[in-house]
Structure formats: C-alpha cells, structure tokens
Amino acid sequence: MPGTPGVTHESCFVGIDLTRDPQVDLASITQRCGAPLGLVPVGGPIVETLAAGQPMHEYGVDVEAGACYRIFAVGGRGVEDLDTGLKDPAGAWVSKDILDDAFPILNPNGPFCVKQGGRHKLLVSVAKGSGSYAVQLLKVSR
C-alpha cells in the first residue's frame, strides 16, 4: 500500500484546520487521508443539508466483497453532531459512527472491510444542529 512517511490512518486527520465549509474540509481530509494511504474515491463527494430531527439521508453505494473502505464526512457551520454509517443489503451495520462530533471518519483507526458485496446504504444523520455536510466513500486500492 502506498504511504507517506509518518502518516497513518490514525493520525492523518490530526492538525487539519477545519474551516466549517464541508466541501473545503472534506477535500483537505481526503487529500491527507486518501491517496497517501492508498485510498481512492468511490464516486464523487455528496453535499447536502440536514437538521437534527429530520429523517436520515440514504445513498446507495456499490461495494465489493472483501474490499476495504473508509467514509469521511464533515458538517458545516451549525452542525454539532454529524453521524454516518454503512449498512449491508440485509440492513446490518458494517460500520457506524458513535462519537459526538461534526466530522465522522469510519473507521477512525483505519479501513473497514465488507464481507458481502453489492448495493449497500451509506447513511447520514444529524444528531445535533443543522446545516450542510459533505461525505465521501473511499476504497483501499490494490
């Protein structure tokens, strides 16, 4: 896997100055935590708005069995707790955010691997606040 000396999955996002502009911040995070660690985008970033109490947003994403992924998401000004996760076709959680923050990274310690390929659901919700967010799925390149 490609690497940049001193950059790890656990530390790549440390020291990034968040502007609270979701598109700018997501680009900064994926620049540091993406290609240098062997990750490639699966589609483009998704940018939407959402408020606490509204139904979560669901996006269909196709994943490969045995492949490993990370999800990066950033909430904009006004979003205090942004949550994201991935469910398999049967509705079981593959990975989900459990922290109270506006910039979930799944998994925080590195990629998660999927057992079952096919159409999965990328879920985004706001537990506290309201505003825009950006989210992107990245895959470990082989």
N, C-alpha and C. Protein backbone atom coordinates (compact mmCIF):
# COMPACT_ATOMS: atom_id res chain seq x y z
N MET A 1 0.85 -1.17 0.00
CA MET A 1 0.00 0.00 0.00
C MET A 1 0.89 1.23 0.00
N PRO A 2 0.59 2.25 -0.82
CA PRO A 2 1.40 3.46 -0.84
C PRO A 2 1.38 4.11 0.53
N GLY A 3 2.41 4.89 0.80
CA GLY A 3 2.44 5.55 2.09
C GLY A 3 3.28 6.81 2.07
N THR A 4 2.98 7.69 2.98
CA THR A 4 3.76 8.89 3.20
C THR A 4 4.38 8.73 4.57
N PRO A 5 5.70 8.91 4.68
CA PRO A 5 6.36 8.72 5.97
C PRO A 5 5.67 9.52 7.08
N GLY A 6 5.39 8.83 8.19
CA GLY A 6 4.80 9.49 9.35
C GLY A 6 3.29 9.64 9.30
N VAL A 7 2.66 9.34 8.17
CA VAL A 7 1.20 9.48 8.06
C VAL A 7 0.58 8.10 8.24
N THR A 8 -0.35 8.00 9.19
CA THR A 8 -1.05 6.74 9.43
C THR A 8 -2.55 6.99 9.36
N HIS A 9 -3.32 5.91 9.30
CA HIS A 9 -4.78 6.04 9.31
C HIS A 9 -5.26 6.72 10.59
N GLU A 10 -4.57 6.47 11.69
CA GLU A 10 -4.98 7.02 12.97
C GLU A 10 -4.62 8.50 13.12
N SER A 11 -3.61 8.97 12.38
CA SER A 11 -3.12 10.33 12.60
C SER A 11 -3.28 11.26 11.40
N CYS A 12 -3.73 10.76 10.27
CA CYS A 12 -3.73 11.58 9.05
C CYS A 12 -4.59 12.84 9.18
N PHE A 13 -5.63 12.80 9.99
CA PHE A 13 -6.54 13.94 10.11
C PHE A 13 -6.14 14.89 11.24
N VAL A 14 -5.14 14.52 12.03
CA VAL A 14 -4.69 15.36 13.14
C VAL A 14 -4.02 16.61 12.58
N GLY A 15 -4.40 17.76 13.10
CA GLY A 15 -3.77 19.01 12.69
C GLY A 15 -4.42 19.70 11.50
N ILE A 16 -5.47 19.11 10.94
CA ILE A 16 -6.17 19.78 9.84
C ILE A 16 -7.02 20.89 10.45
N ASP A 17 -6.85 22.11 9.96
CA ASP A 17 -7.65 23.23 10.43
C ASP A 17 -8.98 23.24 9.69
N LEU A 18 -10.04 22.91 10.40
CA LEU A 18 -11.36 22.88 9.78
C LEU A 18 -11.90 24.29 9.61
N THR A 19 -12.40 24.57 8.41
CA THR A 19 -12.96 25.89 8.10
C THR A 19 -14.45 25.92 8.36
N ARG A 20 -15.06 24.74 8.53
CA ARG A 20 -16.50 24.52 8.66
C ARG A 20 -17.22 24.73 7.33
N ASP A 21 -16.45 24.75 6.23
CA ASP A 21 -17.01 24.66 4.88
C ASP A 21 -16.85 23.19 4.50
N PRO A 22 -17.95 22.43 4.45
CA PRO A 22 -17.84 20.98 4.28
C PRO A 22 -17.05 20.54 3.05
N GLN A 23 -17.23 21.21 1.93
CA GLN A 23 -16.51 20.80 0.72
C GLN A 23 -15.01 21.05 0.86
N VAL A 24 -14.63 22.19 1.40
CA VAL A 24 -13.22 22.51 1.60
C VAL A 24 -12.59 21.54 2.60
N ASP A 25 -13.29 21.32 3.71
CA ASP A 25 -12.75 20.44 4.75
C ASP A 25 -12.66 18.99 4.29
N LEU A 26 -13.67 18.51 3.55
CA LEU A 26 -13.61 17.15 3.05
C LEU A 26 -12.44 16.99 2.09
N ALA A 27 -12.21 17.99 1.24
CA ALA A 27 -11.07 17.93 0.32
C ALA A 27 -9.75 17.88 1.09
N SER A 28 -9.63 18.65 2.17
CA SER A 28 -8.41 18.64 2.98
C SER A 28 -8.19 17.27 3.62
N ILE A 29 -9.26 16.70 4.16
CA ILE A 29 -9.14 15.40 4.83
C ILE A 29 -8.81 14.31 3.82
N THR A 30 -9.50 14.29 2.68
CA THR A 30 -9.22 13.22 1.71
C THR A 30 -7.85 13.39 1.07
N GLN A 31 -7.35 14.61 0.99
CA GLN A 31 -6.00 14.83 0.46
C GLN A 31 -4.96 14.22 1.40
N ARG A 32 -5.16 14.37 2.70
CA ARG A 32 -4.21 13.84 3.68
C ARG A 32 -4.43 12.37 4.00
N CYS A 33 -5.70 11.93 3.99
CA CYS A 33 -6.03 10.57 4.44
C CYS A 33 -6.41 9.64 3.29
N GLY A 34 -6.43 10.14 2.07
CA GLY A 34 -6.83 9.34 0.92
C GLY A 34 -5.65 8.72 0.21
N ALA A 35 -5.24 9.33 -0.90
CA ALA A 35 -4.18 8.78 -1.75
C ALA A 35 -2.89 8.43 -0.99
N PRO A 36 -2.43 9.28 -0.04
CA PRO A 36 -1.19 8.91 0.66
C PRO A 36 -1.29 7.58 1.42
N LEU A 37 -2.52 7.15 1.72
CA LEU A 37 -2.71 5.90 2.45
C LEU A 37 -3.34 4.82 1.56
N GLY A 38 -3.29 5.03 0.24
CA GLY A 38 -3.74 4.02 -0.69
C GLY A 38 -5.24 3.97 -0.92
N LEU A 39 -5.95 5.06 -0.65
CA LEU A 39 -7.39 5.10 -0.83
C LEU A 39 -7.76 5.87 -2.09
N VAL A 40 -8.77 5.38 -2.81
CA VAL A 40 -9.27 6.06 -4.00
C VAL A 40 -10.77 6.31 -3.82
N PRO A 41 -11.27 7.45 -4.31
CA PRO A 41 -12.69 7.76 -4.16
C PRO A 41 -13.58 6.77 -4.90
N VAL A 42 -14.72 6.48 -4.30
CA VAL A 42 -15.78 5.70 -4.95
C VAL A 42 -16.86 6.73 -5.28
N GLY A 43 -16.86 7.22 -6.50
CA GLY A 43 -17.76 8.30 -6.87
C GLY A 43 -17.27 9.62 -6.31
N GLY A 44 -18.07 10.65 -6.51
CA GLY A 44 -17.70 11.97 -6.03
C GLY A 44 -18.27 12.23 -4.65
N PRO A 45 -17.86 13.35 -4.05
CA PRO A 45 -18.42 13.70 -2.74
C PRO A 45 -19.90 14.04 -2.86
N ILE A 46 -20.64 13.75 -1.81
CA ILE A 46 -22.06 14.09 -1.73
C ILE A 46 -22.17 15.29 -0.81
N VAL A 47 -22.84 16.35 -1.27
CA VAL A 47 -23.01 17.56 -0.47
C VAL A 47 -24.51 17.84 -0.36
N GLU A 48 -25.00 17.92 0.87
CA GLU A 48 -26.43 18.14 1.13
C GLU A 48 -26.58 18.96 2.41
N THR A 49 -27.83 19.24 2.77
CA THR A 49 -28.12 19.89 4.05
C THR A 49 -29.09 19.00 4.82
N LEU A 50 -29.00 19.10 6.16
CA LEU A 50 -29.82 18.26 7.03
C LEU A 50 -29.87 18.88 8.42
N ALA A 51 -30.95 18.63 9.14
CA ALA A 51 -31.09 19.14 10.51
C ALA A 51 -31.45 17.99 11.45
N ALA A 52 -31.11 18.17 12.71
CA ALA A 52 -31.50 17.20 13.74
C ALA A 52 -33.01 17.05 13.70
N GLY A 53 -33.49 15.82 13.85
CA GLY A 53 -34.92 15.55 13.83
C GLY A 53 -35.46 15.21 12.46
N GLN A 54 -34.72 15.53 11.40
CA GLN A 54 -35.15 15.16 10.06
C GLN A 54 -34.73 13.72 9.78
N PRO A 55 -35.43 13.05 8.86
CA PRO A 55 -35.04 11.68 8.52
C PRO A 55 -33.62 11.64 7.96
N MET A 56 -32.90 10.56 8.30
CA MET A 56 -31.54 10.43 7.80
C MET A 56 -31.55 10.30 6.28
N HIS A 57 -30.46 10.74 5.68
CA HIS A 57 -30.30 10.61 4.23
C HIS A 57 -29.67 9.25 3.93
N GLU A 58 -30.16 8.61 2.87
CA GLU A 58 -29.66 7.31 2.45
C GLU A 58 -29.16 7.39 1.02
N TYR A 59 -27.98 6.83 0.78
CA TYR A 59 -27.39 6.81 -0.56
C TYR A 59 -26.98 5.39 -0.87
N GLY A 60 -27.38 4.88 -2.03
CA GLY A 60 -26.96 3.55 -2.45
C GLY A 60 -25.55 3.59 -2.99
N VAL A 61 -24.70 2.70 -2.50
CA VAL A 61 -23.32 2.59 -2.98
C VAL A 61 -23.02 1.12 -3.25
N ASP A 62 -22.32 0.87 -4.34
CA ASP A 62 -21.93 -0.50 -4.68
C ASP A 62 -20.53 -0.77 -4.13
N VAL A 63 -20.42 -1.85 -3.35
CA VAL A 63 -19.13 -2.23 -2.78
C VAL A 63 -18.80 -3.66 -3.18
N GLU A 64 -17.52 -4.00 -3.11
CA GLU A 64 -17.05 -5.33 -3.49
C GLU A 64 -16.80 -6.18 -2.25
N ALA A 65 -17.23 -7.43 -2.30
CA ALA A 65 -16.98 -8.36 -1.20
C ALA A 65 -15.48 -8.47 -0.96
N GLY A 66 -15.07 -8.38 0.29
CA GLY A 66 -13.66 -8.50 0.66
C GLY A 66 -12.86 -7.22 0.52
N ALA A 67 -13.44 -6.19 -0.09
CA ALA A 67 -12.73 -4.91 -0.24
C ALA A 67 -12.84 -4.11 1.05
N CYS A 68 -11.92 -3.17 1.22
CA CYS A 68 -11.89 -2.35 2.43
C CYS A 68 -12.10 -0.88 2.07
N TYR A 69 -12.77 -0.16 2.96
CA TYR A 69 -13.22 1.20 2.69
C TYR A 69 -13.06 2.09 3.91
N ARG A 70 -13.14 3.40 3.66
CA ARG A 70 -13.28 4.40 4.72
C ARG A 70 -14.34 5.39 4.27
N ILE A 71 -15.04 5.96 5.25
CA ILE A 71 -16.01 7.02 4.99
C ILE A 71 -15.52 8.26 5.71
N PHE A 72 -15.45 9.37 4.97
CA PHE A 72 -15.09 10.66 5.55
C PHE A 72 -16.29 11.58 5.40
N ALA A 73 -16.64 12.29 6.46
CA ALA A 73 -17.76 13.23 6.41
C ALA A 73 -17.42 14.45 7.26
N VAL A 74 -17.97 15.59 6.86
CA VAL A 74 -17.73 16.84 7.58
C VAL A 74 -19.01 17.65 7.59
N GLY A 75 -19.38 18.13 8.78
CA GLY A 75 -20.53 19.01 8.91
C GLY A 75 -20.10 20.46 8.82
N GLY A 76 -20.97 21.29 8.27
CA GLY A 76 -20.69 22.72 8.16
C GLY A 76 -21.07 23.47 9.43
N ARG A 77 -20.99 24.79 9.33
CA ARG A 77 -21.37 25.63 10.46
C ARG A 77 -22.79 25.28 10.89
N GLY A 78 -23.00 25.14 12.16
CA GLY A 78 -24.33 24.81 12.68
C GLY A 78 -24.54 23.33 12.94
N VAL A 79 -23.73 22.47 12.34
CA VAL A 79 -23.83 21.03 12.58
C VAL A 79 -22.88 20.69 13.72
N GLU A 80 -23.44 20.26 14.85
CA GLU A 80 -22.62 19.94 16.01
C GLU A 80 -22.32 18.45 16.13
N ASP A 81 -23.25 17.60 15.68
CA ASP A 81 -23.03 16.15 15.73
C ASP A 81 -23.56 15.53 14.45
N LEU A 82 -22.64 15.15 13.57
CA LEU A 82 -22.96 14.51 12.30
C LEU A 82 -22.63 13.03 12.44
N ASP A 83 -23.54 12.18 12.04
CA ASP A 83 -23.33 10.74 12.14
C ASP A 83 -23.43 10.10 10.76
N THR A 84 -22.65 9.06 10.55
CA THR A 84 -22.69 8.35 9.27
C THR A 84 -22.42 6.88 9.51
N GLY A 85 -22.76 6.07 8.54
CA GLY A 85 -22.51 4.64 8.65
C GLY A 85 -22.84 3.94 7.35
N LEU A 86 -22.57 2.64 7.33
CA LEU A 86 -22.82 1.83 6.15
C LEU A 86 -23.56 0.57 6.58
N LYS A 87 -24.67 0.27 5.88
CA LYS A 87 -25.44 -0.95 6.14
C LYS A 87 -25.36 -1.85 4.92
N ASP A 88 -25.30 -3.17 5.18
CA ASP A 88 -25.26 -4.13 4.08
C ASP A 88 -26.67 -4.33 3.51
N PRO A 89 -26.81 -5.11 2.43
CA PRO A 89 -28.12 -5.29 1.80
C PRO A 89 -29.20 -5.85 2.74
N ALA A 90 -28.79 -6.59 3.78
CA ALA A 90 -29.75 -7.15 4.73
C ALA A 90 -30.11 -6.15 5.84
N GLY A 91 -29.45 -4.99 5.86
CA GLY A 91 -29.75 -3.98 6.86
C GLY A 91 -28.87 -4.02 8.10
N ALA A 92 -27.85 -4.89 8.10
CA ALA A 92 -26.93 -4.96 9.24
C ALA A 92 -25.84 -3.90 9.10
N TRP A 93 -25.44 -3.31 10.23
CA TRP A 93 -24.38 -2.31 10.20
C TRP A 93 -23.05 -2.96 9.83
N VAL A 94 -22.35 -2.35 8.89
CA VAL A 94 -20.99 -2.75 8.55
C VAL A 94 -20.03 -1.88 9.36
N SER A 95 -20.36 -0.59 9.45
CA SER A 95 -19.58 0.37 10.24
C SER A 95 -20.49 1.55 10.54
N LYS A 96 -20.34 2.12 11.75
CA LYS A 96 -21.14 3.31 12.07
C LYS A 96 -20.41 4.18 13.07
N ASP A 97 -20.71 5.47 12.99
CA ASP A 97 -20.12 6.47 13.86
C ASP A 97 -20.81 6.44 15.22
N ILE A 98 -20.01 6.48 16.29
CA ILE A 98 -20.59 6.50 17.64
C ILE A 98 -20.10 7.71 18.44
N LEU A 99 -19.34 8.59 17.80
CA LEU A 99 -18.79 9.74 18.50
C LEU A 99 -19.68 10.97 18.31
N ASP A 100 -19.63 11.88 19.28
CA ASP A 100 -20.38 13.14 19.19
C ASP A 100 -19.46 14.21 18.62
N ASP A 101 -19.42 14.29 17.29
CA ASP A 101 -18.61 15.31 16.64
C ASP A 101 -19.19 15.63 15.28
N ALA A 102 -18.63 16.62 14.63
CA ALA A 102 -19.15 17.07 13.34
C ALA A 102 -18.31 16.58 12.17
N PHE A 103 -17.37 15.66 12.43
CA PHE A 103 -16.51 15.18 11.34
C PHE A 103 -16.21 13.68 11.51
N PRO A 104 -17.23 12.84 11.32
CA PRO A 104 -17.01 11.40 11.48
C PRO A 104 -16.09 10.82 10.41
N ILE A 105 -15.20 9.95 10.86
CA ILE A 105 -14.32 9.21 9.97
C ILE A 105 -14.46 7.75 10.37
N LEU A 106 -14.84 6.92 9.39
CA LEU A 106 -15.04 5.50 9.67
C LEU A 106 -14.04 4.67 8.86
N ASN A 107 -13.45 3.83 9.53
CA ASN A 107 -13.30 3.79 10.97
C ASN A 107 -12.18 4.73 11.38
N PRO A 108 -12.20 5.28 12.58
CA PRO A 108 -11.16 6.23 12.98
C PRO A 108 -9.75 5.63 12.94
N ASN A 109 -9.65 4.33 13.21
CA ASN A 109 -8.34 3.69 13.25
C ASN A 109 -7.92 3.05 11.93
N GLY A 110 -8.74 3.18 10.89
CA GLY A 110 -8.37 2.64 9.59
C GLY A 110 -9.57 2.06 8.86
N PRO A 111 -9.33 1.50 7.68
CA PRO A 111 -10.42 0.99 6.85
C PRO A 111 -11.19 -0.16 7.50
N PHE A 112 -12.44 -0.29 7.11
CA PHE A 112 -13.26 -1.44 7.47
C PHE A 112 -13.45 -2.25 6.19
N CYS A 113 -13.60 -3.56 6.33
CA CYS A 113 -13.74 -4.43 5.17
C CYS A 113 -15.16 -5.01 5.15
N VAL A 114 -15.70 -5.15 3.95
CA VAL A 114 -17.06 -5.68 3.81
C VAL A 114 -17.00 -7.16 3.43
N LYS A 115 -17.90 -7.93 4.01
CA LYS A 115 -17.97 -9.36 3.72
C LYS A 115 -18.81 -9.63 2.49
N GLN A 116 -19.90 -8.86 2.37
CA GLN A 116 -20.86 -9.08 1.29
C GLN A 116 -20.79 -7.92 0.30
N GLY A 117 -20.65 -8.25 -0.97
CA GLY A 117 -20.65 -7.22 -1.99
C GLY A 117 -22.07 -6.83 -2.37
N GLY A 118 -22.18 -5.86 -3.26
CA GLY A 118 -23.48 -5.43 -3.74
C GLY A 118 -23.86 -4.05 -3.24
N ARG A 119 -25.14 -3.74 -3.39
CA ARG A 119 -25.65 -2.41 -3.06
C ARG A 119 -25.81 -2.28 -1.54
N HIS A 120 -25.08 -1.35 -0.97
CA HIS A 120 -25.14 -1.03 0.45
C HIS A 120 -25.75 0.36 0.61
N LYS A 121 -26.13 0.71 1.85
CA LYS A 121 -26.67 2.04 2.13
C LYS A 121 -25.68 2.84 2.94
N LEU A 122 -25.28 3.98 2.39
CA LEU A 122 -24.47 4.96 3.11
C LEU A 122 -25.48 5.91 3.76
N LEU A 123 -25.45 5.98 5.09
CA LEU A 123 -26.44 6.75 5.85
C LEU A 123 -25.79 7.96 6.49
N VAL A 124 -26.51 9.08 6.49
CA VAL A 124 -26.03 10.31 7.12
C VAL A 124 -27.18 10.89 7.93
N SER A 125 -26.89 11.26 9.18
CA SER A 125 -27.89 11.92 10.02
C SER A 125 -27.22 13.01 10.85
N VAL A 126 -28.03 13.94 11.30
CA VAL A 126 -27.56 15.00 12.20
C VAL A 126 -28.24 14.78 13.54
N ALA A 127 -27.44 14.56 14.58
CA ALA A 127 -27.99 14.35 15.92
C ALA A 127 -28.18 15.67 16.66
N LYS A 128 -27.37 16.68 16.28
CA LYS A 128 -27.47 17.98 16.95
C LYS A 128 -27.07 19.07 15.97
N GLY A 129 -27.96 20.07 15.83
CA GLY A 129 -27.68 21.20 14.95
C GLY A 129 -28.32 21.04 13.59
N SER A 130 -27.91 21.90 12.66
CA SER A 130 -28.40 21.83 11.29
C SER A 130 -27.43 22.57 10.38
N GLY A 131 -27.43 22.18 9.12
CA GLY A 131 -26.56 22.82 8.15
C GLY A 131 -26.16 21.87 7.05
N SER A 132 -25.15 22.26 6.31
CA SER A 132 -24.69 21.44 5.20
C SER A 132 -23.66 20.43 5.67
N TYR A 133 -23.48 19.39 4.86
CA TYR A 133 -22.45 18.39 5.12
C TYR A 133 -21.91 17.89 3.79
N ALA A 134 -20.75 17.26 3.86
CA ALA A 134 -20.16 16.58 2.71
C ALA A 134 -19.69 15.22 3.19
N VAL A 135 -19.89 14.19 2.37
CA VAL A 135 -19.50 12.83 2.73
C VAL A 135 -18.94 12.14 1.49
N GLN A 136 -17.96 11.26 1.71
CA GLN A 136 -17.39 10.52 0.59
C GLN A 136 -16.91 9.14 1.06
N LEU A 137 -17.13 8.16 0.20
CA LEU A 137 -16.66 6.80 0.42
C LEU A 137 -15.38 6.61 -0.38
N LEU A 138 -14.36 6.03 0.26
CA LEU A 138 -13.10 5.74 -0.41
C LEU A 138 -12.76 4.27 -0.23
N LYS A 139 -12.09 3.70 -1.23
CA LYS A 139 -11.75 2.28 -1.23
C LYS A 139 -10.24 2.11 -1.19
N VAL A 140 -9.79 1.09 -0.47
CA VAL A 140 -8.37 0.76 -0.46
C VAL A 140 -8.04 0.21 -1.84
N SER A 141 -7.07 0.84 -2.51
CA SER A 141 -6.67 0.36 -3.84
C SER A 141 -5.74 -0.83 -3.68
N ARG A 142 -5.76 -1.70 -4.66
CA ARG A 142 -4.93 -2.92 -4.57
C ARG A 142 -3.77 -2.83 -5.52
